[in-house]
Amino acid sequence: MGDLYRKYYDVVVAGGGVSGATSAIAAGRQGASVLVVEQNGYLGGSLTGCGVGPMMTFHAGEKQVIRGMMQEIVDRLTENGYSRGHVRDTTRYVSHVTPFDPEGLKRILDQMTEEAGCHVLLHSFLGGVEMENGRISGLTVCNKDGLHTVHGSVYIDATGDGDIMAWSGCEYTRGRPEDEAPQPMTMNMKYANVDTKTLKDYVRGHLEDFPRLKHNLDLLNSDEPFALAGFNSVWGQAAKDGELSIPREDVLMFETIHPGEFIVNTTRILNADATSAQGLSNAEKIGRRQCAELDAFLHSHAPGFEHAILEFTGPSVGIRGSRQLVGKYRITAEDILSGRQFDSRICLSGYPIDIHNPSGQGTETHYVGGKNSGGYYSIPYEIMVPKEVPNLLVPGRCASASFEAQASIRLTPSVGSMGQAAGIAADMAVRENLPVGTIAVGKLQDTLRKQGALLEV
């Protein structure tokens, strides 16, 4: 125990979600000594701890625009029977999604961090930042060993909520500009024993309630995992009858790699503060209450769910956004919708701007270049770089982005790709004894390309 806390690491990663795990693996593979501090008992963040799935999306139209380490993770999942790779999205929101088994993802991330030589400290909560001469000198960790400080040269804030950047004095924003309201949280549900054939037959007979599938009936005949958004009129009537209080307009669900197992992503928790213990506590209780309503609705109104078994809710509430860094550059909706290609790009994305209404019903979507254009944009290195702290990088959903732009960059393949770049950049900063904002981005890009990342297609 003593050696663990006395050791001085090259890179300390705060948070072991997707962006934290890829950051750690990338830095470790470059030869850096790496410590990951994660509050859960496993890596993977929202994908393994919040019931989030599938991953979406690696594609822009039919073009795959994200590869690199995130594709390696998918390949490993597929090789081990934990994924079917990229399949067509039957909701037609995007072209392809990537279902996976979260238990398999836990194992794959364990393996990859071990192979990279990373030290992973689970069941460990971050409680504070120590500063010295404007730099982070240590992070306070609370776990079964008590309170300790871990030390490193470069720190990566992959907490999702920007805890480290906030505690170290970086500028940040919250939510939408006019009232700081965040996108709603969602508590996901997972069901087993859904009769998918009965569900599909009902959809065929009630296409007016499933507008996204109306012109894509061929997708109903596929044996790929089935996803749908709908039950519109039935949902509306149940809300009028007082059966539902969830401020949403339809039901969204995704079949996993296991036939008859579905993730239901439909609850909507408004005005919840992800940076507050009380806010999170309230959100968990509201989420479970909404899940109970939704469970009753599905068993009563959704053919195919008559004998479905609710496996779990959560386990933790899902968070779309909270704090946003104001970094060296702030990516905007205009950058995304125009398909801007930055000279300092570290990854590409084709995911649309996807804003769940902070005030209630409605989901606002804007596609890169317009619907069905296959457009994509790039994410620049500078959105991970704070202006104030020279040894901190901030990948993931709390990187520097406007409220609208964050609604696109927050998705799994993008945040994982940012993490890969952050890990390589952190190692470069350590080796060259440079502030993270002054590394040679061209050299970073060369390394990413050698590792299979796409910076142009």
Protein backbone atom coordinates (compact mmCIF):
# COMPACT_ATOMS: atom_id res chain seq x y z
CA MET A 1 0.00 0.00 0.00
CA GLY A 2 2.77 2.40 0.87
CA ASP A 3 4.49 2.03 -2.51
CA LEU A 4 1.24 2.74 -4.34
CA TYR A 5 0.74 6.14 -2.73
CA ARG A 6 4.41 7.10 -2.60
CA LYS A 7 5.01 6.39 -6.28
CA TYR A 8 5.21 9.38 -8.63
CA TYR A 9 3.37 8.51 -11.86
CA ASP A 10 3.94 10.01 -15.28
CA VAL A 11 0.18 10.20 -15.90
CA VAL A 12 -2.69 10.09 -13.42
CA VAL A 13 -6.11 9.50 -14.97
CA ALA A 14 -9.12 10.61 -12.93
CA GLY A 15 -12.02 8.39 -13.95
CA GLY A 16 -12.08 5.05 -15.72
CA GLY A 17 -14.96 5.54 -18.14
CA VAL A 18 -14.45 5.20 -21.88
CA SER A 19 -12.34 8.36 -22.27
CA GLY A 20 -10.36 7.58 -19.12
CA ALA A 21 -9.71 3.97 -20.08
CA THR A 22 -8.53 4.86 -23.58
CA SER A 23 -6.38 7.68 -22.18
CA ALA A 24 -4.70 5.29 -19.76
CA ILE A 25 -4.16 2.54 -22.33
CA ALA A 26 -2.74 4.99 -24.89
CA ALA A 27 -0.33 6.54 -22.38
CA GLY A 28 0.73 3.14 -21.05
CA ARG A 29 1.42 1.82 -24.54
CA GLN A 30 3.72 4.79 -25.13
CA GLY A 31 5.72 3.74 -22.08
CA ALA A 32 4.33 6.10 -19.45
CA SER A 33 3.70 4.94 -15.90
CA VAL A 34 -0.04 5.34 -15.43
CA LEU A 35 -2.46 5.33 -12.50
CA VAL A 36 -6.23 5.21 -13.07
CA VAL A 37 -8.52 6.19 -10.18
CA GLU A 38 -12.11 4.94 -10.62
CA GLN A 39 -15.03 5.11 -8.18
CA ASN A 40 -16.78 1.97 -9.46
CA GLY A 41 -15.57 -1.59 -9.20
CA TYR A 42 -14.98 -1.78 -12.97
CA LEU A 43 -13.98 0.35 -15.94
CA GLY A 44 -16.27 1.49 -18.74
CA GLY A 45 -18.24 4.32 -17.15
CA SER A 46 -21.74 4.80 -18.55
CA LEU A 47 -21.45 1.70 -20.74
CA THR A 48 -20.90 -0.62 -17.79
CA GLY A 49 -22.35 1.37 -14.88
CA CYS A 50 -25.42 3.11 -16.33
CA GLY A 51 -26.84 0.52 -18.72
CA VAL A 52 -25.99 2.67 -21.74
CA GLY A 53 -25.98 0.91 -25.10
CA PRO A 54 -25.41 0.53 -27.97
CA MET A 55 -22.33 2.56 -28.87
CA MET A 56 -23.31 5.11 -31.50
CA THR A 57 -21.90 5.91 -33.94
CA PHE A 58 -18.60 5.10 -35.64
CA HIS A 59 -20.08 6.17 -38.97
CA ALA A 60 -21.06 9.18 -41.05
CA GLY A 61 -23.68 7.82 -43.40
CA GLU A 62 -22.18 4.61 -44.76
CA LYS A 63 -18.60 5.76 -44.19
CA GLN A 64 -16.81 4.66 -41.03
CA VAL A 65 -15.01 7.73 -39.69
CA ILE A 66 -13.86 6.46 -36.27
CA ARG A 67 -11.33 3.65 -35.93
CA GLY A 68 -8.16 3.57 -33.85
CA MET A 69 -8.40 2.25 -30.30
CA MET A 70 -12.19 2.39 -30.24
CA GLN A 71 -12.32 0.04 -33.23
CA GLU A 72 -9.77 -2.18 -31.51
CA ILE A 73 -12.11 -2.44 -28.52
CA VAL A 74 -14.99 -3.39 -30.82
CA ASP A 75 -12.79 -5.96 -32.57
CA ARG A 76 -11.82 -7.53 -29.25
CA LEU A 77 -15.43 -7.59 -28.13
CA THR A 78 -16.46 -9.24 -31.39
CA GLU A 79 -13.66 -11.81 -31.34
CA ASN A 80 -14.73 -12.87 -27.86
CA GLY A 81 -18.45 -13.07 -28.63
CA TYR A 82 -19.31 -9.85 -26.77
CA SER A 83 -20.47 -7.87 -29.82
CA ARG A 84 -21.73 -8.34 -33.36
CA GLY A 85 -19.78 -5.32 -34.53
CA HIS A 86 -21.43 -2.43 -36.34
CA VAL A 87 -25.03 -3.18 -37.34
CA ARG A 88 -27.69 -1.09 -39.05
CA ASP A 89 -29.69 1.23 -36.83
CA THR A 90 -33.31 0.23 -37.34
CA THR A 91 -34.49 3.53 -35.82
CA ARG A 92 -32.66 5.23 -38.74
CA TYR A 93 -31.43 7.96 -36.43
CA VAL A 94 -27.92 7.10 -37.62
CA SER A 95 -26.79 4.48 -40.11
CA HIS A 96 -25.02 2.07 -37.75
CA VAL A 97 -24.85 1.31 -34.04
CA THR A 98 -22.65 -1.10 -32.11
CA PRO A 99 -24.37 -3.35 -29.54
CA PHE A 100 -22.13 -5.03 -26.97
CA ASP A 101 -22.18 -7.04 -23.76
CA PRO A 102 -21.21 -4.77 -20.83
CA GLU A 103 -19.81 -7.69 -18.83
CA GLY A 104 -17.55 -8.45 -21.75
CA LEU A 105 -16.50 -4.81 -21.99
CA LYS A 106 -15.45 -4.87 -18.34
CA ARG A 107 -13.16 -7.81 -19.07
CA ILE A 108 -11.74 -6.33 -22.27
CA LEU A 109 -10.85 -3.05 -20.56
CA ASP A 110 -9.26 -4.96 -17.67
CA GLN A 111 -7.12 -6.85 -20.17
CA MET A 112 -6.13 -3.80 -22.19
CA THR A 113 -5.13 -1.70 -19.18
CA GLU A 114 -3.13 -4.63 -17.76
CA GLU A 115 -1.36 -5.20 -21.08
CA ALA A 116 -0.46 -1.49 -21.19
CA GLY A 117 1.05 -1.70 -17.70
CA CYS A 118 -1.48 0.63 -16.09
CA HIS A 119 -2.13 0.54 -12.37
CA VAL A 120 -5.91 0.65 -11.85
CA LEU A 121 -7.28 1.66 -8.46
CA LEU A 122 -10.99 0.80 -8.25
CA HIS A 123 -13.46 1.64 -5.47
CA SER A 124 -11.61 4.94 -5.08
CA PHE A 125 -13.30 8.33 -4.95
CA LEU A 126 -11.61 11.63 -5.76
CA GLY A 127 -12.00 14.31 -3.11
CA GLY A 128 -9.74 17.22 -3.96
CA VAL A 129 -6.81 18.72 -5.86
CA GLU A 130 -3.46 19.94 -4.55
CA MET A 131 -1.89 22.82 -6.47
CA GLU A 132 1.68 24.11 -6.56
CA ASN A 133 2.84 27.07 -8.67
CA GLY A 134 -0.27 26.89 -10.84
CA ARG A 135 0.15 23.18 -11.57
CA ILE A 136 -1.66 20.17 -10.15
CA SER A 137 0.69 18.37 -7.78
CA GLY A 138 -1.65 15.72 -6.39
CA LEU A 139 -5.18 14.34 -6.12
CA THR A 140 -6.85 13.34 -2.88
CA VAL A 141 -8.21 9.79 -3.00
CA CYS A 142 -10.65 8.22 -0.55
CA ASN A 143 -10.99 4.44 -0.40
CA LYS A 144 -10.68 1.46 1.96
CA ASP A 145 -7.09 2.54 2.68
CA GLY A 146 -8.34 5.88 4.02
CA LEU A 147 -7.40 9.30 2.66
CA HIS A 148 -4.25 9.53 0.54
CA THR A 149 -2.70 11.73 -2.13
CA VAL A 150 -1.58 10.40 -5.52
CA HIS A 151 1.01 12.29 -7.53
CA GLY A 152 1.86 12.59 -11.22
CA SER A 153 3.41 14.80 -13.86
CA VAL A 154 0.35 15.13 -16.11
CA TYR A 155 -3.26 14.65 -15.05
CA ILE A 156 -6.21 13.66 -17.22
CA ASP A 157 -9.67 14.68 -16.05
CA ALA A 158 -11.92 11.91 -17.36
CA THR A 159 -14.49 12.28 -14.58
CA GLY A 160 -17.19 13.25 -17.10
CA ASP A 161 -18.23 16.15 -14.88
CA GLY A 162 -14.96 18.07 -14.95
CA ASP A 163 -14.32 17.66 -11.24
CA ILE A 164 -10.55 18.07 -11.51
CA MET A 165 -10.70 21.03 -13.86
CA ALA A 166 -13.21 22.79 -11.59
CA TRP A 167 -11.28 22.12 -8.40
CA SER A 168 -8.02 23.29 -10.01
CA GLY A 169 -9.49 26.65 -11.02
CA CYS A 170 -10.24 26.20 -14.72
CA GLU A 171 -12.98 28.25 -16.33
CA TYR A 172 -16.10 26.27 -17.22
CA THR A 173 -19.76 26.69 -18.13
CA ARG A 174 -22.90 24.74 -17.27
CA GLY A 175 -25.81 23.74 -19.50
CA ARG A 176 -27.49 26.00 -21.99
CA PRO A 177 -26.44 29.64 -21.88
CA GLU A 178 -29.76 31.24 -20.97
CA ASP A 179 -30.40 29.32 -17.73
CA GLU A 180 -27.56 26.78 -17.24
CA ALA A 181 -30.11 23.95 -17.51
CA PRO A 182 -28.44 20.65 -18.45
CA GLN A 183 -29.78 18.05 -20.80
CA PRO A 184 -32.01 15.64 -18.85
CA MET A 185 -30.57 12.61 -17.13
CA THR A 186 -31.92 9.17 -17.97
CA MET A 187 -32.17 6.01 -15.92
CA ASN A 188 -31.95 3.12 -18.34
CA MET A 189 -33.75 -0.18 -17.95
CA LYS A 190 -32.80 -3.62 -19.24
CA TYR A 191 -35.32 -6.36 -20.01
CA ALA A 192 -34.94 -10.05 -20.80
CA ASN A 193 -37.51 -12.40 -22.35
CA VAL A 194 -39.04 -9.87 -24.75
CA ASP A 195 -40.87 -11.58 -27.62
CA THR A 196 -39.20 -9.75 -30.49
CA LYS A 197 -41.36 -11.41 -33.17
CA THR A 198 -44.57 -10.23 -31.49
CA LEU A 199 -43.09 -6.75 -31.09
CA LYS A 200 -42.12 -6.57 -34.78
CA ASP A 201 -45.56 -7.84 -35.86
CA TYR A 202 -47.19 -5.07 -33.83
CA VAL A 203 -44.93 -2.46 -35.44
CA ARG A 204 -45.88 -3.69 -38.93
CA GLY A 205 -49.54 -3.23 -38.09
CA HIS A 206 -49.18 0.19 -36.47
CA LEU A 207 -46.64 2.04 -38.59
CA GLU A 208 -48.27 5.38 -37.83
CA ASP A 209 -46.92 4.98 -34.29
CA PHE A 210 -43.36 4.26 -35.51
CA PRO A 211 -42.60 6.96 -38.09
CA ARG A 212 -38.88 6.23 -38.29
CA LEU A 213 -39.60 2.69 -39.54
CA LYS A 214 -42.42 3.61 -41.92
CA HIS A 215 -40.14 3.72 -44.97
CA ASN A 216 -37.64 1.10 -43.78
CA LEU A 217 -39.71 -2.03 -43.43
CA ASP A 218 -36.87 -4.16 -44.80
CA LEU A 219 -35.09 -3.59 -41.50
CA LEU A 220 -37.86 -5.48 -39.69
CA ASN A 221 -36.86 -8.61 -41.60
CA SER A 222 -33.24 -8.51 -40.45
CA ASP A 223 -31.91 -10.78 -37.72
CA GLU A 224 -29.65 -7.96 -36.51
CA PRO A 225 -30.39 -6.48 -33.07
CA PHE A 226 -33.63 -4.53 -33.34
CA ALA A 227 -34.09 -0.93 -32.23
CA LEU A 228 -37.18 1.21 -32.38
CA ALA A 229 -38.61 4.55 -31.36
CA GLY A 230 -42.36 4.89 -31.19
CA PHE A 231 -45.61 3.87 -29.49
CA ASN A 232 -46.42 7.56 -30.02
CA SER A 233 -50.22 7.59 -29.77
CA VAL A 234 -50.38 4.88 -27.10
CA TRP A 235 -47.81 6.78 -25.07
CA GLY A 236 -49.71 10.04 -25.48
CA GLN A 237 -52.96 8.45 -24.35
CA ALA A 238 -51.32 6.85 -21.30
CA ALA A 239 -49.92 10.25 -20.34
CA LYS A 240 -53.40 11.82 -20.66
CA ASP A 241 -54.86 9.02 -18.54
CA GLY A 242 -52.37 9.75 -15.77
CA GLU A 243 -50.39 6.52 -16.16
CA LEU A 244 -47.19 8.40 -17.02
CA SER A 245 -45.46 11.51 -15.72
CA ILE A 246 -42.30 11.12 -17.84
CA PRO A 247 -41.80 14.32 -19.90
CA ARG A 248 -41.05 12.52 -23.16
CA GLU A 249 -42.98 11.90 -26.37
CA ASP A 250 -42.15 8.29 -27.24
CA VAL A 251 -40.40 5.07 -26.20
CA LEU A 252 -36.82 4.36 -27.32
CA MET A 253 -35.38 0.86 -27.02
CA PHE A 254 -32.42 -1.14 -28.34
CA GLU A 255 -32.01 -4.90 -28.51
CA THR A 256 -28.64 -6.08 -27.21
CA ILE A 257 -26.52 -8.87 -28.70
CA HIS A 258 -28.73 -11.33 -26.78
CA PRO A 259 -32.05 -12.00 -28.60
CA GLY A 260 -35.01 -10.75 -26.60
CA GLU A 261 -32.93 -8.55 -24.31
CA PHE A 262 -33.65 -4.82 -24.66
CA ILE A 263 -32.27 -1.60 -23.19
CA VAL A 264 -35.05 0.97 -22.75
CA ASN A 265 -33.76 4.56 -22.86
CA THR A 266 -36.90 6.59 -22.15
CA THR A 267 -36.98 8.16 -18.68
CA ARG A 268 -36.28 11.89 -18.53
CA ILE A 269 -35.08 13.57 -15.32
CA LEU A 270 -35.13 17.37 -15.55
CA ASN A 271 -33.01 19.98 -13.76
CA ALA A 272 -30.78 17.46 -11.98
CA ASP A 273 -27.30 18.62 -10.92
CA ALA A 274 -24.70 15.94 -11.64
CA THR A 275 -22.06 17.87 -9.69
CA SER A 276 -24.01 17.70 -6.41
CA ALA A 277 -24.34 14.68 -4.13
CA GLN A 278 -27.88 15.75 -3.27
CA GLY A 279 -28.68 16.34 -6.93
CA LEU A 280 -27.51 12.88 -7.88
CA SER A 281 -29.38 11.32 -4.97
CA ASN A 282 -32.62 13.01 -6.04
CA ALA A 283 -32.08 11.98 -9.67
CA GLU A 284 -31.65 8.33 -8.72
CA LYS A 285 -34.96 8.31 -6.83
CA ILE A 286 -36.85 10.15 -9.58
CA GLY A 287 -35.35 7.78 -12.13
CA ARG A 288 -36.51 4.69 -10.28
CA ARG A 289 -39.99 6.17 -9.89
CA GLN A 290 -40.17 6.84 -13.63
CA CYS A 291 -38.87 3.35 -14.36
CA ALA A 292 -41.73 1.87 -12.33
CA GLU A 293 -44.22 3.84 -14.43
CA LEU A 294 -42.52 2.76 -17.62
CA ASP A 295 -42.42 -0.87 -16.54
CA ALA A 296 -46.18 -0.84 -15.97
CA PHE A 297 -46.73 0.87 -19.34
CA LEU A 298 -44.66 -1.67 -21.29
CA HIS A 299 -46.32 -4.68 -19.69
CA SER A 300 -49.76 -3.19 -20.36
CA HIS A 301 -49.34 -1.57 -23.78
CA ALA A 302 -46.32 -3.01 -25.61
CA PRO A 303 -47.00 -6.37 -27.31
CA GLY A 304 -44.00 -8.63 -26.77
CA PHE A 305 -43.44 -7.34 -23.23
CA GLU A 306 -46.20 -9.39 -21.59
CA HIS A 307 -43.71 -11.84 -20.08
CA ALA A 308 -40.64 -9.60 -20.14
CA ILE A 309 -38.43 -9.62 -17.05
CA LEU A 310 -36.94 -6.37 -15.79
CA GLU A 311 -33.30 -7.25 -15.14
CA PHE A 312 -32.24 -3.93 -13.65
CA THR A 313 -32.54 -0.16 -13.67
CA GLY A 314 -29.36 1.90 -13.88
CA PRO A 315 -27.35 0.65 -11.99
CA SER A 316 -26.55 4.39 -11.84
CA VAL A 317 -28.42 7.25 -13.45
CA GLY A 318 -27.08 8.28 -16.85
CA ILE A 319 -25.72 11.83 -17.26
CA ARG A 320 -25.56 13.66 -20.59
CA GLY A 321 -23.81 16.81 -19.43
CA SER A 322 -22.83 18.99 -16.51
CA ARG A 323 -19.71 21.19 -16.50
CA GLN A 324 -17.99 22.18 -19.76
CA LEU A 325 -14.40 23.34 -19.89
CA VAL A 326 -13.71 26.71 -21.52
CA GLY A 327 -10.45 25.67 -23.09
CA LYS A 328 -7.95 26.94 -25.64
CA TYR A 329 -10.66 26.42 -28.25
CA ARG A 330 -14.38 25.90 -27.83
CA ILE A 331 -16.03 23.82 -30.54
CA THR A 332 -19.37 25.19 -31.73
CA ALA A 333 -22.51 24.05 -33.51
CA GLU A 334 -21.33 25.95 -36.60
CA ASP A 335 -18.07 23.96 -36.61
CA ILE A 336 -20.03 20.72 -36.48
CA LEU A 337 -22.81 21.46 -38.94
CA SER A 338 -20.39 22.91 -41.51
CA GLY A 339 -18.19 19.81 -41.27
CA ARG A 340 -15.13 21.86 -40.29
CA GLN A 341 -11.79 20.09 -40.65
CA PHE A 342 -9.36 21.56 -38.12
CA ASP A 343 -5.62 21.48 -38.80
CA SER A 344 -5.20 20.19 -35.23
CA ARG A 345 -7.85 17.48 -35.50
CA ILE A 346 -7.46 14.37 -33.35
CA CYS A 347 -10.55 12.46 -34.49
CA LEU A 348 -13.62 12.67 -36.70
CA SER A 349 -17.32 12.23 -35.94
CA GLY A 350 -20.54 11.93 -37.89
CA TYR A 351 -22.94 12.02 -34.96
CA PRO A 352 -25.62 14.73 -35.18
CA ILE A 353 -26.30 17.40 -32.61
CA ASP A 354 -28.75 15.55 -30.36
CA ILE A 355 -30.35 17.76 -27.70
CA HIS A 356 -32.81 16.26 -25.25
CA ASN A 357 -34.97 19.18 -24.17
CA PRO A 358 -33.86 20.44 -20.73
CA SER A 359 -37.40 21.75 -20.13
CA GLY A 360 -39.50 18.69 -20.98
CA GLN A 361 -40.74 16.91 -24.08
CA GLY A 362 -38.93 17.01 -27.41
CA THR A 363 -35.56 16.06 -28.85
CA GLU A 364 -33.83 18.44 -31.25
CA THR A 365 -31.61 16.94 -33.95
CA HIS A 366 -29.33 18.64 -36.49
CA TYR A 367 -27.26 16.52 -38.89
CA VAL A 368 -23.81 17.40 -40.20
CA GLY A 369 -24.42 18.77 -43.68
CA GLY A 370 -28.11 17.83 -43.45
CA LYS A 371 -29.96 14.53 -43.02
CA ASN A 372 -28.63 11.67 -45.22
CA SER A 373 -25.66 13.72 -46.41
CA GLY A 374 -23.08 11.46 -44.78
CA GLY A 375 -21.35 14.54 -43.45
CA TYR A 376 -18.74 14.50 -40.72
CA TYR A 377 -16.65 16.98 -38.76
CA SER A 378 -13.39 16.95 -36.84
CA ILE A 379 -12.54 17.51 -33.19
CA PRO A 380 -9.45 19.64 -32.50
CA TYR A 381 -6.85 18.93 -29.84
CA GLU A 382 -7.35 22.36 -28.22
CA ILE A 383 -10.80 21.52 -26.80
CA MET A 384 -9.05 19.25 -24.27
CA VAL A 385 -6.53 21.88 -23.18
CA PRO A 386 -7.35 24.27 -20.30
CA LYS A 387 -6.06 27.82 -20.42
CA GLU A 388 -5.10 27.90 -16.75
CA VAL A 389 -3.41 24.59 -15.78
CA PRO A 390 -0.43 23.45 -17.89
CA ASN A 391 -0.40 19.79 -16.78
CA LEU A 392 -4.08 18.94 -17.22
CA LEU A 393 -6.00 17.48 -20.16
CA VAL A 394 -9.79 17.18 -20.28
CA PRO A 395 -11.15 14.64 -22.79
CA GLY A 396 -14.69 13.29 -22.89
CA ARG A 397 -18.10 14.82 -22.47
CA CYS A 398 -16.82 17.79 -20.40
CA ALA A 399 -14.31 18.98 -23.02
CA SER A 400 -14.54 22.56 -24.28
CA ALA A 401 -17.75 22.82 -26.31
CA SER A 402 -20.84 24.96 -26.59
CA PHE A 403 -24.08 23.50 -25.24
CA GLU A 404 -25.17 22.50 -28.75
CA ALA A 405 -21.79 21.09 -29.80
CA GLN A 406 -21.50 19.03 -26.61
CA ALA A 407 -24.70 17.28 -27.63
CA SER A 408 -22.73 15.74 -30.48
CA ILE A 409 -19.22 15.15 -29.12
CA ARG A 410 -20.49 13.41 -25.94
CA LEU A 411 -21.10 10.04 -27.62
CA THR A 412 -18.97 6.97 -26.85
CA PRO A 413 -16.86 6.59 -30.02
CA SER A 414 -15.95 10.29 -29.95
CA VAL A 415 -15.03 10.50 -26.27
CA GLY A 416 -13.01 7.29 -26.56
CA SER A 417 -11.12 8.72 -29.52
CA MET A 418 -10.43 11.91 -27.57
CA GLY A 419 -9.10 9.74 -24.76
CA GLN A 420 -6.67 7.97 -27.08
CA ALA A 421 -5.29 11.34 -28.20
CA ALA A 422 -5.13 12.64 -24.61
CA GLY A 423 -3.09 9.65 -23.46
CA ILE A 424 -0.54 10.04 -26.25
CA ALA A 425 -0.36 13.80 -25.69
CA ALA A 426 0.15 13.32 -21.94
CA ASP A 427 3.08 10.98 -22.59
CA MET A 428 4.59 13.49 -25.02
CA ALA A 429 4.29 16.27 -22.46
CA VAL A 430 6.03 14.14 -19.82
CA ARG A 431 8.85 13.01 -22.10
CA GLU A 432 9.52 16.48 -23.49
CA ASN A 433 8.85 18.32 -20.21
CA LEU A 434 6.33 20.59 -21.90
CA PRO A 435 2.97 22.09 -20.96
CA VAL A 436 0.23 20.02 -22.59
CA GLY A 437 -0.79 23.01 -24.69
CA THR A 438 2.59 23.28 -26.41
CA ILE A 439 3.22 19.74 -27.62
CA ALA A 440 3.72 19.19 -31.36
CA VAL A 441 0.21 18.35 -32.55
CA GLY A 442 1.57 17.14 -35.89
CA LYS A 443 3.60 14.51 -34.07
CA LEU A 444 0.52 13.52 -32.07
CA GLN A 445 -1.41 13.15 -35.32
CA ASP A 446 1.32 11.00 -36.84
CA THR A 447 1.15 8.66 -33.83
CA LEU A 448 -2.63 8.48 -34.05
CA ARG A 449 -2.48 7.60 -37.73
CA LYS A 450 0.08 4.86 -37.04
CA GLN A 451 -2.36 3.46 -34.49
CA GLY A 452 -5.15 3.27 -37.04
CA ALA A 453 -7.05 6.44 -36.17
CA LEU A 454 -8.80 8.22 -39.02
CA LEU A 455 -8.05 11.92 -39.42
CA GLU A 456 -9.23 12.03 -43.01
CA VAL A 457 -11.51 9.77 -45.07
